[in-house]
């Protein structure tokens, strides 16, 4: 048998489309929640069963914009004063510059016809994306379901999030 330098052709990998997408939204920064909603709505538009699990700071974009103070004790109330929540009050993770950074980002997005987080949230609800608030975070921060926007799923815990993620493409944003 003659030796050859030619490598065998790699076997063609079959593309198996995923049917589920789970996004763990742990940050409430504008520059993180925006891609969370973009990826979530894109997955749902592609026909994937999509769940976004909102935990810790990632829960605050689900707080209604008209809610000003939450919590049952002084520490929770202080936390809500420092992090008001709601899509209208999101800050950038970097270059916030006392609100100038988010204003510039929103203006750029508007000029480039990029949907706002509010618009993407509405699209997510229309597409049937499961928007699941973390029950433990709600308890920790003193948030009730009345503090959160309409059209979201029942609060759930980490077990539910992990069970959802078992057979899904899972992103942590």
Protein backbone atom coordinates (compact mmCIF):
# COMPACT_ATOMS: atom_id res chain seq x y z
CA UNK A 1 0.00 0.00 0.00
CA UNK A 2 1.27 3.42 -0.92
CA UNK A 3 1.41 6.22 1.68
CA UNK A 4 -0.36 9.45 0.88
CA UNK A 5 -0.19 12.96 2.31
CA UNK A 6 -3.83 13.56 1.64
CA UNK A 7 -5.89 13.68 4.83
CA UNK A 8 -9.21 11.95 4.87
CA UNK A 9 -12.15 14.27 4.33
CA UNK A 10 -13.86 15.07 7.61
CA UNK A 11 -17.26 13.60 8.01
CA UNK A 12 -19.92 16.17 7.35
CA UNK A 13 -21.54 17.17 10.59
CA UNK A 14 -25.26 17.10 10.58
CA UNK A 15 -26.86 20.34 11.68
CA UNK A 16 -29.45 19.56 14.30
CA UNK A 17 -31.63 22.60 14.89
CA UNK A 18 -32.26 23.41 18.51
CA UNK A 19 -35.85 23.75 19.54
CA UNK A 20 -35.38 25.66 22.79
CA UNK A 21 -33.56 28.79 23.85
CA UNK A 22 -33.10 29.82 27.48
CA UNK A 23 -31.52 33.14 28.39
CA UNK A 24 -30.44 33.82 31.96
CA UNK A 25 -30.72 37.61 32.27
CA UNK A 26 -28.74 38.58 35.36
CA UNK A 27 -27.85 42.17 34.42
CA UNK A 28 -30.22 45.10 34.19
CA UNK A 29 -27.73 47.26 32.29
CA UNK A 30 -29.14 48.72 29.08
CA UNK A 31 -26.24 47.29 27.05
CA UNK A 32 -27.01 43.79 28.35
CA UNK A 33 -30.81 43.78 28.44
CA UNK A 34 -30.97 45.07 24.86
CA UNK A 35 -29.17 42.00 23.39
CA UNK A 36 -31.14 39.79 25.78
CA UNK A 37 -34.38 40.95 24.15
CA UNK A 38 -32.88 40.90 20.63
CA UNK A 39 -31.69 37.30 21.01
CA UNK A 40 -34.89 36.23 22.75
CA UNK A 41 -37.17 37.66 20.07
CA UNK A 42 -34.93 36.32 17.30
CA UNK A 43 -35.03 32.82 18.79
CA UNK A 44 -38.81 32.97 19.09
CA UNK A 45 -39.13 34.29 15.53
CA UNK A 46 -37.02 31.32 14.37
CA UNK A 47 -39.56 29.00 15.96
CA UNK A 48 -37.61 28.20 19.11
CA UNK A 49 -39.48 27.85 22.40
CA UNK A 50 -37.84 30.75 24.23
CA UNK A 51 -37.62 31.49 27.93
CA UNK A 52 -35.89 34.44 29.53
CA UNK A 53 -35.24 33.93 33.24
CA UNK A 54 -34.72 37.30 34.95
CA UNK A 55 -32.62 37.14 38.10
CA UNK A 56 -30.80 39.60 40.36
CA UNK A 57 -30.19 42.93 38.59
CA UNK A 58 -31.65 41.43 35.43
CA UNK A 59 -35.06 41.44 37.11
CA UNK A 60 -35.27 45.23 37.30
CA UNK A 61 -36.17 45.86 33.63
CA UNK A 62 -39.43 44.04 34.42
CA UNK A 63 -40.32 46.59 37.12
CA UNK A 64 -43.09 48.89 35.91
CA UNK A 65 -41.80 52.34 34.94
CA UNK A 66 -44.38 54.04 37.17
CA UNK A 67 -43.21 52.21 40.31
CA UNK A 68 -40.91 54.45 42.34
CA UNK A 69 -40.23 52.76 45.64
CA UNK A 70 -40.41 49.07 46.46
CA UNK A 71 -39.56 46.88 49.40
CA UNK A 72 -40.83 46.15 52.85
CA UNK A 73 -37.91 47.30 54.98
CA UNK A 74 -35.42 50.18 54.87
CA UNK A 75 -32.68 48.15 53.14
CA UNK A 76 -34.99 47.04 50.31
CA UNK A 77 -36.31 50.59 49.97
CA UNK A 78 -32.74 51.94 49.79
CA UNK A 79 -31.93 49.35 47.11
CA UNK A 80 -34.93 50.46 45.07
CA UNK A 81 -33.86 54.11 45.41
CA UNK A 82 -30.37 53.27 44.11
CA UNK A 83 -31.70 51.01 41.34
CA UNK A 84 -35.12 52.24 40.39
CA UNK A 85 -35.88 49.62 37.74
CA UNK A 86 -38.06 49.85 34.67
CA UNK A 87 -36.94 50.07 31.05
CA UNK A 88 -36.94 53.88 31.14
CA UNK A 89 -34.27 53.99 33.84
CA UNK A 90 -31.68 51.50 32.55
CA UNK A 91 -28.04 52.55 32.75
CA UNK A 92 -25.08 51.48 30.65
CA UNK A 93 -22.60 49.07 32.23
CA UNK A 94 -19.79 51.34 31.01
CA UNK A 95 -19.75 55.00 29.97
CA UNK A 96 -23.01 55.89 31.68
CA UNK A 97 -21.83 59.50 32.30
CA UNK A 98 -24.80 60.46 34.50
CA UNK A 99 -27.32 59.31 31.91
CA UNK A 100 -25.66 60.86 28.85
CA UNK A 101 -24.41 57.45 27.63
CA UNK A 102 -27.85 55.79 27.58
CA UNK A 103 -29.39 58.87 25.91
CA UNK A 104 -26.73 58.75 23.17
CA UNK A 105 -27.20 54.97 22.76
CA UNK A 106 -30.98 55.39 22.41
CA UNK A 107 -30.51 58.20 19.86
CA UNK A 108 -28.08 56.08 17.82
CA UNK A 109 -30.48 53.13 17.94
CA UNK A 110 -33.34 55.34 16.81
CA UNK A 111 -31.27 56.72 13.91
CA UNK A 112 -30.42 53.16 12.84
CA UNK A 113 -34.00 51.92 13.27
CA UNK A 114 -33.12 49.49 16.07
CA UNK A 115 -36.12 48.59 18.20
CA UNK A 116 -36.01 49.90 21.76
CA UNK A 117 -36.05 47.54 24.76
CA UNK A 118 -39.72 48.47 25.31
CA UNK A 119 -40.58 47.59 21.71
CA UNK A 120 -38.60 44.34 21.93
CA UNK A 121 -40.34 43.45 25.17
CA UNK A 122 -43.70 43.91 23.45
CA UNK A 123 -42.54 41.77 20.51
CA UNK A 124 -41.34 39.11 22.96
CA UNK A 125 -44.76 38.97 24.58
CA UNK A 126 -46.46 38.82 21.14
CA UNK A 127 -44.18 35.95 20.08
CA UNK A 128 -44.94 33.99 23.25
CA UNK A 129 -41.51 34.30 24.87
CA UNK A 130 -41.75 33.10 28.47
CA UNK A 131 -40.63 36.00 30.67
CA UNK A 132 -39.96 34.40 34.05
CA UNK A 133 -39.04 36.51 37.08
CA UNK A 134 -36.89 34.88 39.75
CA UNK A 135 -38.93 34.35 42.92
CA UNK A 136 -35.86 34.41 45.19
CA UNK A 137 -34.71 37.75 43.76
CA UNK A 138 -38.21 39.17 44.18
CA UNK A 139 -38.19 38.08 47.84
CA UNK A 140 -34.66 39.42 48.38
CA UNK A 141 -35.41 42.81 46.83
CA UNK A 142 -38.91 43.11 48.30
CA UNK A 143 -40.60 43.11 44.90
CA UNK A 144 -44.14 41.84 44.42
CA UNK A 145 -45.87 40.80 41.22
CA UNK A 146 -47.78 44.13 41.40
CA UNK A 147 -44.41 45.94 41.00
CA UNK A 148 -43.74 44.11 37.72
CA UNK A 149 -45.10 44.72 34.23
CA UNK A 150 -48.11 42.82 32.90
CA UNK A 151 -47.80 39.85 30.60
CA UNK A 152 -45.03 37.97 32.34
CA UNK A 153 -45.04 34.41 33.61
CA UNK A 154 -45.41 33.28 37.19
CA UNK A 155 -42.25 33.72 39.26
CA UNK A 156 -40.06 30.62 39.48
CA UNK A 157 -36.88 29.46 41.14
CA UNK A 158 -33.47 28.20 40.08
CA UNK A 159 -34.71 24.62 39.76
CA UNK A 160 -37.21 25.66 37.12
CA UNK A 161 -34.54 27.65 35.28
CA UNK A 162 -32.13 24.71 35.26
CA UNK A 163 -34.81 22.25 34.17
CA UNK A 164 -35.71 24.56 31.28
CA UNK A 165 -32.05 24.85 30.31
CA UNK A 166 -31.38 21.09 30.27
CA UNK A 167 -32.11 20.55 26.60
CA UNK A 168 -31.83 24.09 25.32
CA UNK A 169 -29.32 26.49 23.92
CA UNK A 170 -28.55 28.46 27.06
CA UNK A 171 -27.11 31.96 27.16
CA UNK A 172 -26.04 33.86 30.27
CA UNK A 173 -26.26 37.62 29.75
